Amino acid sequence: MAVTLGALMVRPKKEFQIMTVKGLLPGKKLGRTLIHEHFLVDFIGANTTGTHRWKREHVVNRILPLLFEVREQGVKSIFDCTPAFLGRDVELLLQLSERSGLNMITNTGYYGAVQNKYLPSWAITETADQLAARWVKEFENGIDGTSIRPGFIKIGVDAPAPLSSLHKKLVKAAAVTHLKTGLTICSHTGLASAAFEEIEILKQSGVHPNAFVWVHAQAEKDKSFHTRAAQAGTWVSLDGMGWGDYENYVDSLVRLKQQGLLKRALISQDAGWYNPDEPDGPINGYTTLFSKVIPLLNKAGFGTNDIDQLLVSNPAEAMGIQIRKIS
């Protein structure tokens, strides 16, 4: 049964569920989670990409050892943030999940960043409602003729604001999709100006900021915006830890903890990935967070409960399927 807390419609935590590539999983079983990673990314563009560009077994053989490494760090679940037309391959994810023993979560939605290179033609001509209908259909019926369903919405916009009319439409389509499915909206954003414009569009559509993940928030150097977004209920995702600048991440998290806002933070690495144009090229692993960042957090006074908050409790709450609307 849904309950109302202030202006936010939520469900009791015990009812949170996550949609993995193998089906529904109780949120309490999600475990230690990486909320923003990639296994395969194809940068060639929406008009050319497709599964003909890679051999799944070769990708599995490249990625699987890295997954075994991250399992040794206690990770149980990984959200794959590669969107449609940028290399999303749900059957590949299912193979990786089955062979690694990890829970894998894929997405629906379209990625408008990089000047719309990864948008299909109909994303430009269709309305927000029409795009949302496509995404809802993937949630209800499965992706690309499979029974595999998305566990979150992934969109992307170009920053800084103001957002283009096309990117505003993507945000509106994500809002419609959320209100029909309860899937969390994760938007590749970066700078605060764009993030707060997205939040306002969502609010105007009746969606509470608690349904929104500000992806790549570390790109915003004025950390007062992290505070403002977290206070509004937004999930502040500091998710590029696979690429260095570790002390900056630690400083951001220390600030949020001091402000009592660690409960609104998400962390990950944005690591990987297999590139079809470089089939034997290097792939960054998924353990930098554990080898570089957590030791620095420990030195800054973060204990086991803080790390569990970031890697266990927050992902389960942020990504649990629930309609979050402004009543």
C-alpha atoms as a PDB file:
ATOM      1  CA  MET A   1       0.000   0.000   0.000  1.00  0.00           C
ATOM      2  CA  ALA A   2       1.299   3.436  -0.891  1.00  0.00           C
ATOM      3  CA  VAL A   3       1.619   6.080   1.809  1.00  0.00           C
ATOM      4  CA  THR A   4       2.010   9.845   1.579  1.00  0.00           C
ATOM      5  CA  LEU A   5       4.889  11.560   3.361  1.00  0.00           C
ATOM      6  CA  GLY A   6       4.492  15.300   2.936  1.00  0.00           C
ATOM      7  CA  ALA A   7       4.302  15.946  -0.785  1.00  0.00           C
ATOM      8  CA  LEU A   8       5.979  12.700  -1.735  1.00  0.00           C
ATOM      9  CA  MET A   9       4.112   9.513  -2.627  1.00  0.00           C
ATOM     10  CA  VAL A  10       6.244   6.494  -1.719  1.00  0.00           C
ATOM     11  CA  ARG A  11       5.969   2.858  -0.699  1.00  0.00           C
ATOM     12  CA  PRO A  12       7.355   1.264   2.438  1.00  0.00           C
ATOM     13  CA  LYS A  13      10.999   0.292   1.953  1.00  0.00           C
ATOM     14  CA  LYS A  14      10.270  -3.379   2.425  1.00  0.00           C
ATOM     15  CA  GLU A  15       8.245  -3.283  -0.803  1.00  0.00           C
ATOM     16  CA  PHE A  16      11.034  -1.841  -2.966  1.00  0.00           C
ATOM     17  CA  GLN A  17      11.840  -4.070  -5.912  1.00  0.00           C
ATOM     18  CA  ILE A  18      14.537  -3.870  -8.561  1.00  0.00           C
ATOM     19  CA  MET A  19      14.054  -5.058 -12.127  1.00  0.00           C
ATOM     20  CA  THR A  20      17.156  -7.031 -13.137  1.00  0.00           C
ATOM     21  CA  VAL A  21      17.794  -8.694 -16.486  1.00  0.00           C
ATOM     22  CA  LYS A  22      16.660 -11.943 -14.836  1.00  0.00           C
ATOM     23  CA  GLY A  23      13.483 -10.470 -13.347  1.00  0.00           C
ATOM     24  CA  LEU A  24      12.321  -8.758 -10.177  1.00  0.00           C
ATOM     25  CA  LEU A  25      14.595  -8.734  -7.139  1.00  0.00           C
ATOM     26  CA  PRO A  26      13.649  -7.490  -3.649  1.00  0.00           C
ATOM     27  CA  GLY A  27      15.599  -4.323  -2.931  1.00  0.00           C
ATOM     28  CA  LYS A  28      16.913  -5.804   0.315  1.00  0.00           C
ATOM     29  CA  LYS A  29      18.726  -8.442  -1.795  1.00  0.00           C
ATOM     30  CA  LEU A  30      20.433  -5.926  -4.070  1.00  0.00           C
ATOM     31  CA  GLY A  31      23.469  -5.840  -1.778  1.00  0.00           C
ATOM     32  CA  ARG A  32      26.631  -3.870  -2.415  1.00  0.00           C
ATOM     33  CA  THR A  33      25.925  -2.057  -5.669  1.00  0.00           C
ATOM     34  CA  LEU A  34      27.691  -0.081  -8.392  1.00  0.00           C
ATOM     35  CA  ILE A  35      25.066   2.236  -9.845  1.00  0.00           C
ATOM     36  CA  HIS A  36      26.902   3.550 -12.925  1.00  0.00           C
ATOM     37  CA  GLU A  37      29.146   1.276 -14.980  1.00  0.00           C
ATOM     38  CA  HIS A  38      29.532   0.149 -18.598  1.00  0.00           C
ATOM     39  CA  PHE A  39      30.445  -3.178 -20.167  1.00  0.00           C
ATOM     40  CA  LEU A  40      30.199  -2.257 -23.850  1.00  0.00           C
ATOM     41  CA  VAL A  41      29.914   1.164 -25.477  1.00  0.00           C
ATOM     42  CA  ASP A  42      29.690   1.723 -29.238  1.00  0.00           C
ATOM     43  CA  PHE A  43      30.515   5.299 -30.242  1.00  0.00           C
ATOM     44  CA  ILE A  44      29.828   4.939 -33.960  1.00  0.00           C
ATOM     45  CA  GLY A  45      26.377   6.578 -33.820  1.00  0.00           C
ATOM     46  CA  ALA A  46      22.705   5.655 -33.828  1.00  0.00           C
ATOM     47  CA  ASN A  47      22.481   5.114 -37.579  1.00  0.00           C
ATOM     48  CA  THR A  48      25.215   2.465 -37.688  1.00  0.00           C
ATOM     49  CA  THR A  49      25.379   0.697 -34.335  1.00  0.00           C
ATOM     50  CA  GLY A  50      23.926  -2.738 -33.713  1.00  0.00           C
ATOM     51  CA  THR A  51      24.814  -6.164 -32.388  1.00  0.00           C
ATOM     52  CA  HIS A  52      26.424  -6.974 -35.739  1.00  0.00           C
ATOM     53  CA  ARG A  53      29.289  -4.775 -34.543  1.00  0.00           C
ATOM     54  CA  TRP A  54      30.518  -7.200 -31.865  1.00  0.00           C
ATOM     55  CA  LYS A  55      30.730 -10.868 -30.973  1.00  0.00           C
ATOM     56  CA  ARG A  56      29.070 -11.512 -27.645  1.00  0.00           C
ATOM     57  CA  GLU A  57      31.326 -14.385 -26.659  1.00  0.00           C
ATOM     58  CA  HIS A  58      34.417 -12.251 -27.225  1.00  0.00           C
ATOM     59  CA  VAL A  59      32.942  -9.458 -25.098  1.00  0.00           C
ATOM     60  CA  VAL A  60      32.033 -11.929 -22.354  1.00  0.00           C
ATOM     61  CA  ASN A  61      35.560 -13.317 -22.330  1.00  0.00           C
ATOM     62  CA  ARG A  62      36.990  -9.805 -21.955  1.00  0.00           C
ATOM     63  CA  ILE A  63      34.586  -8.611 -19.259  1.00  0.00           C
ATOM     64  CA  LEU A  64      34.018 -11.717 -17.134  1.00  0.00           C
ATOM     65  CA  PRO A  65      37.425 -11.722 -15.363  1.00  0.00           C
ATOM     66  CA  LEU A  66      36.821  -8.114 -14.327  1.00  0.00           C
ATOM     67  CA  LEU A  67      33.464  -9.085 -12.847  1.00  0.00           C
ATOM     68  CA  PHE A  68      35.057 -11.857 -10.834  1.00  0.00           C
ATOM     69  CA  GLU A  69      37.474  -9.250  -9.443  1.00  0.00           C
ATOM     70  CA  VAL A  70      34.673  -6.955  -8.326  1.00  0.00           C
ATOM     71  CA  ARG A  71      32.778  -9.843  -6.754  1.00  0.00           C
ATOM     72  CA  GLU A  72      35.768 -10.269  -4.456  1.00  0.00           C
ATOM     73  CA  GLN A  73      35.024  -6.742  -3.177  1.00  0.00           C
ATOM     74  CA  GLY A  74      31.573  -7.862  -2.087  1.00  0.00           C
ATOM     75  CA  VAL A  75      29.689  -6.355  -5.022  1.00  0.00           C
ATOM     76  CA  LYS A  76      26.447  -8.159  -5.821  1.00  0.00           C
ATOM     77  CA  SER A  77      24.732  -5.837  -8.323  1.00  0.00           C
ATOM     78  CA  ILE A  78      25.749  -3.535 -11.177  1.00  0.00           C
ATOM     79  CA  PHE A  79      23.646  -1.028 -13.120  1.00  0.00           C
ATOM     80  CA  ASP A  80      24.718  -0.929 -16.765  1.00  0.00           C
ATOM     81  CA  CYS A  81      24.209   2.641 -17.937  1.00  0.00           C
ATOM     82  CA  THR A  82      24.805   2.089 -21.649  1.00  0.00           C
ATOM     83  CA  PRO A  83      21.637   3.340 -23.374  1.00  0.00           C
ATOM     84  CA  ALA A  84      19.918   2.204 -26.541  1.00  0.00           C
ATOM     85  CA  PHE A  85      21.791   3.146 -29.744  1.00  0.00           C
ATOM     86  CA  LEU A  86      25.055   3.437 -27.808  1.00  0.00           C
ATOM     87  CA  GLY A  87      25.720  -0.260 -27.410  1.00  0.00           C
ATOM     88  CA  ARG A  88      22.956  -1.538 -25.133  1.00  0.00           C
ATOM     89  CA  ASP A  89      22.841  -5.326 -25.539  1.00  0.00           C
ATOM     90  CA  VAL A  90      20.495  -6.941 -23.043  1.00  0.00           C
ATOM     91  CA  GLU A  91      21.275 -10.499 -24.113  1.00  0.00           C
ATOM     92  CA  LEU A  92      24.949  -9.809 -23.450  1.00  0.00           C
ATOM     93  CA  LEU A  93      24.017  -8.536 -19.988  1.00  0.00           C
ATOM     94  CA  LEU A  94      22.023 -11.682 -19.311  1.00  0.00           C
ATOM     95  CA  GLN A  95      25.033 -13.832 -20.214  1.00  0.00           C
ATOM     96  CA  LEU A  96      27.296 -11.751 -17.978  1.00  0.00           C
ATOM     97  CA  SER A  97      24.811 -12.012 -15.122  1.00  0.00           C
ATOM     98  CA  GLU A  98      24.402 -15.766 -15.427  1.00  0.00           C
ATOM     99  CA  ARG A  99      28.129 -16.465 -15.711  1.00  0.00           C
ATOM    100  CA  SER A 100      29.312 -14.010 -13.046  1.00  0.00           C
ATOM    101  CA  GLY A 101      26.544 -14.520 -10.500  1.00  0.00           C
ATOM    102  CA  LEU A 102      26.025 -10.751 -10.315  1.00  0.00           C
ATOM    103  CA  ASN A 103      22.691  -8.980 -10.636  1.00  0.00           C
ATOM    104  CA  MET A 104      22.647  -6.830 -13.791  1.00  0.00           C
ATOM    105  CA  ILE A 105      20.220  -4.001 -14.442  1.00  0.00           C
ATOM    106  CA  THR A 106      19.640  -2.395 -17.843  1.00  0.00           C
ATOM    107  CA  ASN A 107      17.706   0.697 -18.922  1.00  0.00           C
ATOM    108  CA  THR A 108      15.227   2.279 -21.274  1.00  0.00           C
ATOM    109  CA  GLY A 109      15.316   5.820 -22.654  1.00  0.00           C
ATOM    110  CA  TYR A 110      17.383   7.796 -25.174  1.00  0.00           C
ATOM    111  CA  TYR A 111      20.684   9.657 -24.851  1.00  0.00           C
ATOM    112  CA  GLY A 112      20.692  13.146 -26.310  1.00  0.00           C
ATOM    113  CA  ALA A 113      24.132  14.291 -25.173  1.00  0.00           C
ATOM    114  CA  VAL A 114      26.991  14.730 -27.678  1.00  0.00           C
ATOM    115  CA  GLN A 115      24.751  16.796 -29.958  1.00  0.00           C
ATOM    116  CA  ASN A 116      22.213  14.019 -30.522  1.00  0.00           C
ATOM    117  CA  LYS A 117      24.649  11.626 -32.208  1.00  0.00           C
ATOM    118  CA  TYR A 118      23.056   8.676 -30.423  1.00  0.00           C
ATOM    119  CA  LEU A 119      19.399   9.522 -31.011  1.00  0.00           C
ATOM    120  CA  PRO A 120      17.279   7.581 -33.522  1.00  0.00           C
ATOM    121  CA  SER A 121      15.516   9.714 -36.104  1.00  0.00           C
ATOM    122  CA  TRP A 122      12.090   9.292 -34.492  1.00  0.00           C
ATOM    123  CA  ALA A 123      13.349  10.853 -31.260  1.00  0.00           C
ATOM    124  CA  ILE A 124      13.443  14.128 -33.159  1.00  0.00           C
ATOM    125  CA  THR A 125      10.024  13.883 -34.802  1.00  0.00           C
ATOM    126  CA  GLU A 126       7.889  12.167 -32.153  1.00  0.00           C
ATOM    127  CA  THR A 127       6.260  13.834 -29.153  1.00  0.00           C
ATOM    128  CA  ALA A 128       7.247  13.236 -25.549  1.00  0.00           C
ATOM    129  CA  ASP A 129       4.196  11.022 -25.098  1.00  0.00           C
ATOM    130  CA  GLN A 130       5.088   8.956 -28.149  1.00  0.00           C
ATOM    131  CA  LEU A 131       8.646   8.443 -26.934  1.00  0.00           C
ATOM    132  CA  ALA A 132       7.380   7.541 -23.474  1.00  0.00           C
ATOM    133  CA  ALA A 133       5.057   4.952 -25.025  1.00  0.00           C
ATOM    134  CA  ARG A 134       8.089   3.244 -26.580  1.00  0.00           C
ATOM    135  CA  TRP A 135       9.904   3.170 -23.229  1.00  0.00           C
ATOM    136  CA  VAL A 136       6.860   1.969 -21.302  1.00  0.00           C
ATOM    137  CA  LYS A 137       6.417  -0.797 -23.874  1.00  0.00           C
ATOM    138  CA  GLU A 138       9.964  -1.998 -23.162  1.00  0.00           C
ATOM    139  CA  PHE A 139       9.123  -2.127 -19.457  1.00  0.00           C
ATOM    140  CA  GLU A 140       5.858  -3.941 -19.975  1.00  0.00           C
ATOM    141  CA  ASN A 141       6.816  -6.331 -22.807  1.00  0.00           C
ATOM    142  CA  GLY A 142      10.612  -6.572 -22.897  1.00  0.00           C
ATOM    143  CA  ILE A 143      13.485  -5.107 -24.908  1.00  0.00           C
ATOM    144  CA  ASP A 144      14.291  -5.989 -28.529  1.00  0.00           C
ATOM    145  CA  GLY A 145      11.999  -9.019 -28.670  1.00  0.00           C
ATOM    146  CA  THR A 146      13.283 -10.517 -25.418  1.00  0.00           C
ATOM    147  CA  SER A 147      11.600 -10.873 -22.027  1.00  0.00           C
ATOM    148  CA  ILE A 148      14.346  -8.704 -20.469  1.00  0.00           C
ATOM    149  CA  ARG A 149      12.917  -5.543 -18.964  1.00  0.00           C
ATOM    150  CA  PRO A 150      14.610  -2.270 -17.979  1.00  0.00           C
ATOM    151  CA  GLY A 151      15.204  -1.390 -14.339  1.00  0.00           C
ATOM    152  CA  PHE A 152      15.613   2.369 -14.794  1.00  0.00           C
ATOM    153  CA  ILE A 153      15.342   5.213 -17.314  1.00  0.00           C
ATOM    154  CA  LYS A 154      18.554   6.569 -18.844  1.00  0.00           C
ATOM    155  CA  ILE A 155      18.541   9.846 -20.750  1.00  0.00           C
ATOM    156  CA  GLY A 156      21.276  12.330 -21.571  1.00  0.00           C
ATOM    157  CA  VAL A 157      21.333  16.071 -22.169  1.00  0.00           C
ATOM    158  CA  ASP A 158      23.958  18.568 -23.225  1.00  0.00           C
ATOM    159  CA  ALA A 159      24.964  21.086 -20.570  1.00  0.00           C
ATOM    160  CA  PRO A 160      25.101  23.927 -19.759  1.00  0.00           C
ATOM    161  CA  ALA A 161      21.525  25.153 -19.714  1.00  0.00           C
ATOM    162  CA  PRO A 162      19.322  26.281 -21.292  1.00  0.00           C
ATOM    163  CA  LEU A 163      18.346  22.878 -22.579  1.00  0.00           C
ATOM    164  CA  SER A 164      17.348  22.556 -26.206  1.00  0.00           C
ATOM    165  CA  SER A 165      13.701  21.890 -26.987  1.00  0.00           C
ATOM    166  CA  LEU A 166      14.673  18.351 -27.994  1.00  0.00           C
ATOM    167  CA  HIS A 167      16.373  17.661 -24.688  1.00  0.00           C
ATOM    168  CA  LYS A 168      13.479  19.165 -22.759  1.00  0.00           C
ATOM    169  CA  LYS A 169      11.287  16.674 -24.628  1.00  0.00           C
ATOM    170  CA  LEU A 170      13.489  13.790 -23.477  1.00  0.00           C
ATOM    171  CA  VAL A 171      13.092  14.918 -19.874  1.00  0.00           C
ATOM    172  CA  LYS A 172       9.327  15.196 -20.291  1.00  0.00           C
ATOM    173  CA  ALA A 173       9.202  11.722 -21.862  1.00  0.00           C
ATOM    174  CA  ALA A 174      11.154  10.393 -18.899  1.00  0.00           C
ATOM    175  CA  ALA A 175       8.634  12.014 -16.541  1.00  0.00           C
ATOM    176  CA  VAL A 176       5.702  10.378 -18.344  1.00  0.00           C
ATOM    177  CA  THR A 177       7.495   7.034 -18.271  1.00  0.00           C
ATOM    178  CA  HIS A 178       8.231   7.322 -14.564  1.00  0.00           C
ATOM    179  CA  LEU A 179       4.613   8.075 -13.714  1.00  0.00           C
ATOM    180  CA  LYS A 180       3.516   4.969 -15.631  1.00  0.00           C
ATOM    181  CA  THR A 181       6.244   2.564 -14.471  1.00  0.00           C
ATOM    182  CA  GLY A 182       7.863   3.841 -11.269  1.00  0.00           C
ATOM    183  CA  LEU A 183      11.326   3.575 -12.854  1.00  0.00           C
ATOM    184  CA  THR A 184      13.939   6.019 -11.574  1.00  0.00           C
ATOM    185  CA  ILE A 185      15.208   8.646 -14.025  1.00  0.00           C
ATOM    186  CA  CYS A 186      19.002   8.819 -14.435  1.00  0.00           C
ATOM    187  CA  SER A 187      20.169  11.672 -16.643  1.00  0.00           C
ATOM    188  CA  HIS A 188      23.694  12.195 -17.950  1.00  0.00           C
ATOM    189  CA  THR A 189      23.937  15.864 -17.060  1.00  0.00           C
ATOM    190  CA  GLY A 190      27.065  17.202 -15.367  1.00  0.00           C
ATOM    191  CA  LEU A 191      26.637  20.896 -14.660  1.00  0.00           C
ATOM    192  CA  ALA A 192      24.136  22.152 -12.107  1.00  0.00           C
ATOM    193  CA  SER A 193      22.449  24.619 -14.458  1.00  0.00           C
ATOM    194  CA  ALA A 194      21.150  21.771 -16.603  1.00  0.00           C
ATOM    195  CA  ALA A 195      20.359  19.568 -13.606  1.00  0.00           C
ATOM    196  CA  PHE A 196      18.138  22.166 -11.970  1.00  0.00           C
ATOM    197  CA  GLU A 197      16.376  22.858 -15.251  1.00  0.00           C
ATOM    198  CA  GLU A 198      15.640  19.133 -15.524  1.00  0.00           C
ATOM    199  CA  ILE A 199      14.379  19.038 -11.947  1.00  0.00           C
ATOM    200  CA  GLU A 200      12.009  21.912 -12.684  1.00  0.00           C
ATOM    201  CA  ILE A 201      10.646  20.165 -15.796  1.00  0.00           C
ATOM    202  CA  LEU A 202      10.055  17.016 -13.756  1.00  0.00           C
ATOM    203  CA  LYS A 203       8.274  18.954 -11.008  1.00  0.00           C
ATOM    204  CA  GLN A 204       6.053  20.666 -13.587  1.00  0.00           C
ATOM    205  CA  SER A 205       5.203  17.180 -14.860  1.00  0.00           C
ATOM    206  CA  GLY A 206       4.245  16.062 -11.354  1.00  0.00           C
ATOM    207  CA  VAL A 207       7.398  14.044 -10.648  1.00  0.00           C
ATOM    208  CA  HIS A 208       9.149  14.484  -7.297  1.00  0.00           C
ATOM    209  CA  PRO A 209      12.924  15.212  -7.379  1.00  0.00           C
ATOM    210  CA  ASN A 210      13.390  11.967  -5.432  1.00  0.00           C
ATOM    211  CA  ALA A 211      12.789  10.139  -8.716  1.00  0.00           C
ATOM    212  CA  PHE A 212      15.775  11.870 -10.360  1.00  0.00           C
ATOM    213  CA  VAL A 213      19.455  10.942 -10.327  1.00  0.00           C
ATOM    214  CA  TRP A 214      21.795  13.799 -11.240  1.00  0.00           C
ATOM    215  CA  VAL A 215      24.405  11.775 -13.136  1.00  0.00           C
ATOM    216  CA  HIS A 216      28.010  13.032 -13.224  1.00  0.00           C
ATOM    217  CA  ALA A 217      27.327  15.642 -10.566  1.00  0.00           C
ATOM    218  CA  GLN A 218      31.081  15.730  -9.932  1.00  0.00           C
ATOM    219  CA  ALA A 219      31.402  17.906 -13.044  1.00  0.00           C
ATOM    220  CA  GLU A 220      29.845  20.761 -11.043  1.00  0.00           C
ATOM    221  CA  LYS A 221      32.685  22.339  -9.083  1.00  0.00           C
ATOM    222  CA  ASP A 222      30.456  24.598  -6.978  1.00  0.00           C
ATOM    223  CA  LYS A 223      29.523  22.006  -4.385  1.00  0.00           C
ATOM    224  CA  SER A 224      26.841  24.193  -2.859  1.00  0.00           C
ATOM    225  CA  PHE A 225      24.672  22.945  -5.742  1.00  0.00           C
ATOM    226  CA  HIS A 226      25.181  19.367  -4.546  1.00  0.00           C
ATOM    227  CA  THR A 227      23.768  20.500  -1.213  1.00  0.00           C
ATOM    228  CA  ARG A 228      20.791  22.270  -2.784  1.00  0.00           C
ATOM    229  CA  ALA A 229      19.920  19.307  -4.971  1.00  0.00           C
ATOM    230  CA  ALA A 230      20.210  16.817  -2.105  1.00  0.00           C
ATOM    231  CA  GLN A 231      18.079  19.010   0.150  1.00  0.00           C
ATOM    232  CA  ALA A 232      15.411  19.028  -2.579  1.00  0.00           C
ATOM    233  CA  GLY A 233      15.423  15.229  -2.582  1.00  0.00           C
ATOM    234  CA  THR A 234      17.480  14.644  -5.722  1.00  0.00           C
ATOM    235  CA  TRP A 235      20.030  11.837  -5.799  1.00  0.00           C
ATOM    236  CA  VAL A 236      23.492  13.350  -6.271  1.00  0.00           C
ATOM    237  CA  SER A 237      25.556  10.822  -8.230  1.00  0.00           C
ATOM    238  CA  LEU A 238      29.340  11.151  -7.947  1.00  0.00           C
ATOM    239  CA  ASP A 239      30.108   8.453 -10.439  1.00  0.00           C
ATOM    240  CA  GLY A 240      33.373   8.999 -12.304  1.00  0.00           C
ATOM    241  CA  MET A 241      35.682   7.459  -9.720  1.00  0.00           C
ATOM    242  CA  GLY A 242      37.296   5.153 -12.235  1.00  0.00           C
ATOM    243  CA  TRP A 243      39.118   8.099 -13.795  1.00  0.00           C
ATOM    244  CA  GLY A 244      41.040   9.724 -10.934  1.00  0.00           C
ATOM    245  CA  ASP A 245      40.493  12.973  -9.005  1.00  0.00           C
ATOM    246  CA  TYR A 246      39.876  10.833  -5.916  1.00  0.00           C
ATOM    247  CA  GLU A 247      40.449  13.573  -3.348  1.00  0.00           C
ATOM    248  CA  ASN A 248      37.759  15.717  -4.963  1.00  0.00           C
ATOM    249  CA  TYR A 249      35.232  12.905  -4.565  1.00  0.00           C
ATOM    250  CA  VAL A 250      36.211  12.446  -0.943  1.00  0.00           C
ATOM    251  CA  ASP A 251      35.820  16.167  -0.282  1.00  0.00           C
ATOM    252  CA  SER A 252      32.343  16.160  -1.856  1.00  0.00           C
ATOM    253  CA  LEU A 253      31.243  13.193   0.239  1.00  0.00           C
ATOM    254  CA  VAL A 254      32.697  14.629   3.443  1.00  0.00           C
ATOM    255  CA  ARG A 255      30.720  17.829   2.837  1.00  0.00           C
ATOM    256  CA  LEU A 256      27.497  15.920   2.253  1.00  0.00           C
ATOM    257  CA  LYS A 257      28.075  13.855   5.385  1.00  0.00           C
ATOM    258  CA  GLN A 258      28.711  16.968   7.479  1.00  0.00           C
ATOM    259  CA  GLN A 259      25.439  18.407   6.191  1.00  0.00           C
ATOM    260  CA  GLY A 260      23.491  15.253   7.040  1.00  0.00           C
ATOM    261  CA  LEU A 261      22.942  14.528   3.342  1.00  0.00           C
ATOM    262  CA  LEU A 262      24.958  11.369   2.780  1.00  0.00           C
ATOM    263  CA  LYS A 263      21.589   9.613   2.448  1.00  0.00           C
ATOM    264  CA  ARG A 264      21.124  11.405  -0.919  1.00  0.00           C
ATOM    265  CA  ALA A 265      24.500  10.446  -2.426  1.00  0.00           C
ATOM    266  CA  LEU A 266      25.329   7.706  -4.920  1.00  0.00           C
ATOM    267  CA  ILE A 267      28.828   6.649  -5.952  1.00  0.00           C
ATOM    268  CA  SER A 268      30.278   4.636  -8.805  1.00  0.00           C
ATOM    269  CA  GLN A 269      33.132   4.591 -11.312  1.00  0.00           C
ATOM    270  CA  ASP A 270      31.780   4.951 -14.877  1.00  0.00           C
ATOM    271  CA  ALA A 271      34.324   2.250 -15.665  1.00  0.00           C
ATOM    272  CA  GLY A 272      34.843  -0.278 -18.432  1.00  0.00           C
ATOM    273  CA  TRP A 273      34.386  -0.819 -21.374  1.00  0.00           C
ATOM    274  CA  TYR A 274      34.588  -2.972 -24.469  1.00  0.00           C
ATOM    275  CA  ASN A 275      34.792  -0.818 -27.618  1.00  0.00           C
ATOM    276  CA  PRO A 276      33.755  -2.625 -30.840  1.00  0.00           C
ATOM    277  CA  ASP A 277      36.258  -0.540 -32.793  1.00  0.00           C
ATOM    278  CA  GLU A 278      39.064  -1.740 -30.497  1.00  0.00           C
ATOM    279  CA  PRO A 279      38.088  -5.348 -29.709  1.00  0.00           C
ATOM    280  CA  ASP A 280      41.410  -6.088 -28.003  1.00  0.00           C
ATOM    281  CA  GLY A 281      41.932  -2.634 -26.532  1.00  0.00           C
ATOM    282  CA  PRO A 282      42.341  -1.886 -22.824  1.00  0.00           C
ATOM    283  CA  ILE A 283      39.359  -2.066 -20.459  1.00  0.00           C
ATOM    284  CA  ASN A 284      39.412  -0.356 -17.069  1.00  0.00           C
ATOM    285  CA  GLY A 285      38.304  -2.637 -14.258  1.00  0.00           C
ATOM    286  CA  TYR A 286      35.624  -2.015 -11.667  1.00  0.00           C
ATOM    287  CA  THR A 287      37.664  -1.985  -8.437  1.00  0.00           C
ATOM    288  CA  THR A 288      39.150   1.528  -8.292  1.00  0.00           C
ATOM    289  CA  LEU A 289      36.489   2.651  -5.851  1.00  0.00           C
ATOM    290  CA  PHE A 290      37.637  -0.032  -3.425  1.00  0.00           C
ATOM    291  CA  SER A 291      41.382   0.310  -3.917  1.00  0.00           C
ATOM    292  CA  LYS A 292      41.612   4.114  -4.123  1.00  0.00           C
ATOM    293  CA  VAL A 293      38.522   5.908  -2.845  1.00  0.00           C
ATOM    294  CA  ILE A 294      37.296   3.906   0.144  1.00  0.00           C
ATOM    295  CA  PRO A 295      40.720   3.978   1.854  1.00  0.00           C
ATOM    296  CA  LEU A 296      40.678   7.783   1.537  1.00  0.00           C
ATOM    297  CA  LEU A 297      37.140   7.900   2.905  1.00  0.00           C
ATOM    298  CA  ASN A 298      38.223   5.747   5.845  1.00  0.00           C
ATOM    299  CA  LYS A 299      41.031   8.222   6.588  1.00  0.00           C
ATOM    300  CA  ALA A 300      38.427  11.014   6.460  1.00  0.00           C
ATOM    301  CA  GLY A 301      36.400   9.300   9.191  1.00  0.00           C
ATOM    302  CA  PHE A 302      33.967   7.211   7.157  1.00  0.00           C
ATOM    303  CA  GLY A 303      33.072   3.976   8.897  1.00  0.00           C
ATOM    304  CA  THR A 304      31.400   0.771   7.798  1.00  0.00           C
ATOM    305  CA  ASN A 305      27.926   2.242   8.236  1.00  0.00           C
ATOM    306  CA  ASP A 306      28.788   5.172   5.952  1.00  0.00           C
ATOM    307  CA  ILE A 307      30.128   2.909   3.220  1.00  0.00           C
ATOM    308  CA  ASP A 308      27.066   0.664   3.515  1.00  0.00           C
ATOM    309  CA  GLN A 309      24.872   3.746   3.234  1.00  0.00           C
ATOM    310  CA  LEU A 310      26.537   4.667  -0.058  1.00  0.00           C
ATOM    311  CA  LEU A 311      26.828   1.214  -1.594  1.00  0.00           C
ATOM    312  CA  VAL A 312      23.879  -0.725  -0.143  1.00  0.00           C
ATOM    313  CA  SER A 313      21.086   1.385   1.360  1.00  0.00           C
ATOM    314  CA  ASN A 314      21.088   4.341  -1.040  1.00  0.00           C
ATOM    315  CA  PRO A 315      21.107   2.315  -4.297  1.00  0.00           C
ATOM    316  CA  ALA A 316      18.238   0.137  -3.099  1.00  0.00           C
ATOM    317  CA  GLU A 317      16.141   3.168  -2.180  1.00  0.00           C
ATOM    318  CA  ALA A 318      17.105   5.284  -5.198  1.00  0.00           C
ATOM    319  CA  MET A 319      16.535   2.580  -7.790  1.00  0.00           C
ATOM    320  CA  GLY A 320      13.588   0.776  -6.230  1.00  0.00           C
ATOM    321  CA  ILE A 321      10.537   0.748  -8.468  1.00  0.00           C
ATOM    322  CA  GLN A 322       8.060   3.235  -7.019  1.00  0.00           C
ATOM    323  CA  ILE A 323       6.038   6.110  -8.433  1.00  0.00           C
ATOM    324  CA  ARG A 324       7.266   9.282  -6.778  1.00  0.00           C
ATOM    325  CA  LYS A 325       5.048  12.209  -7.523  1.00  0.00           C
ATOM    326  CA  ILE A 326       4.220  15.585  -6.099  1.00  0.00           C
ATOM    327  CA  SER A 327       0.759  15.203  -4.634  1.00  0.00           C
END
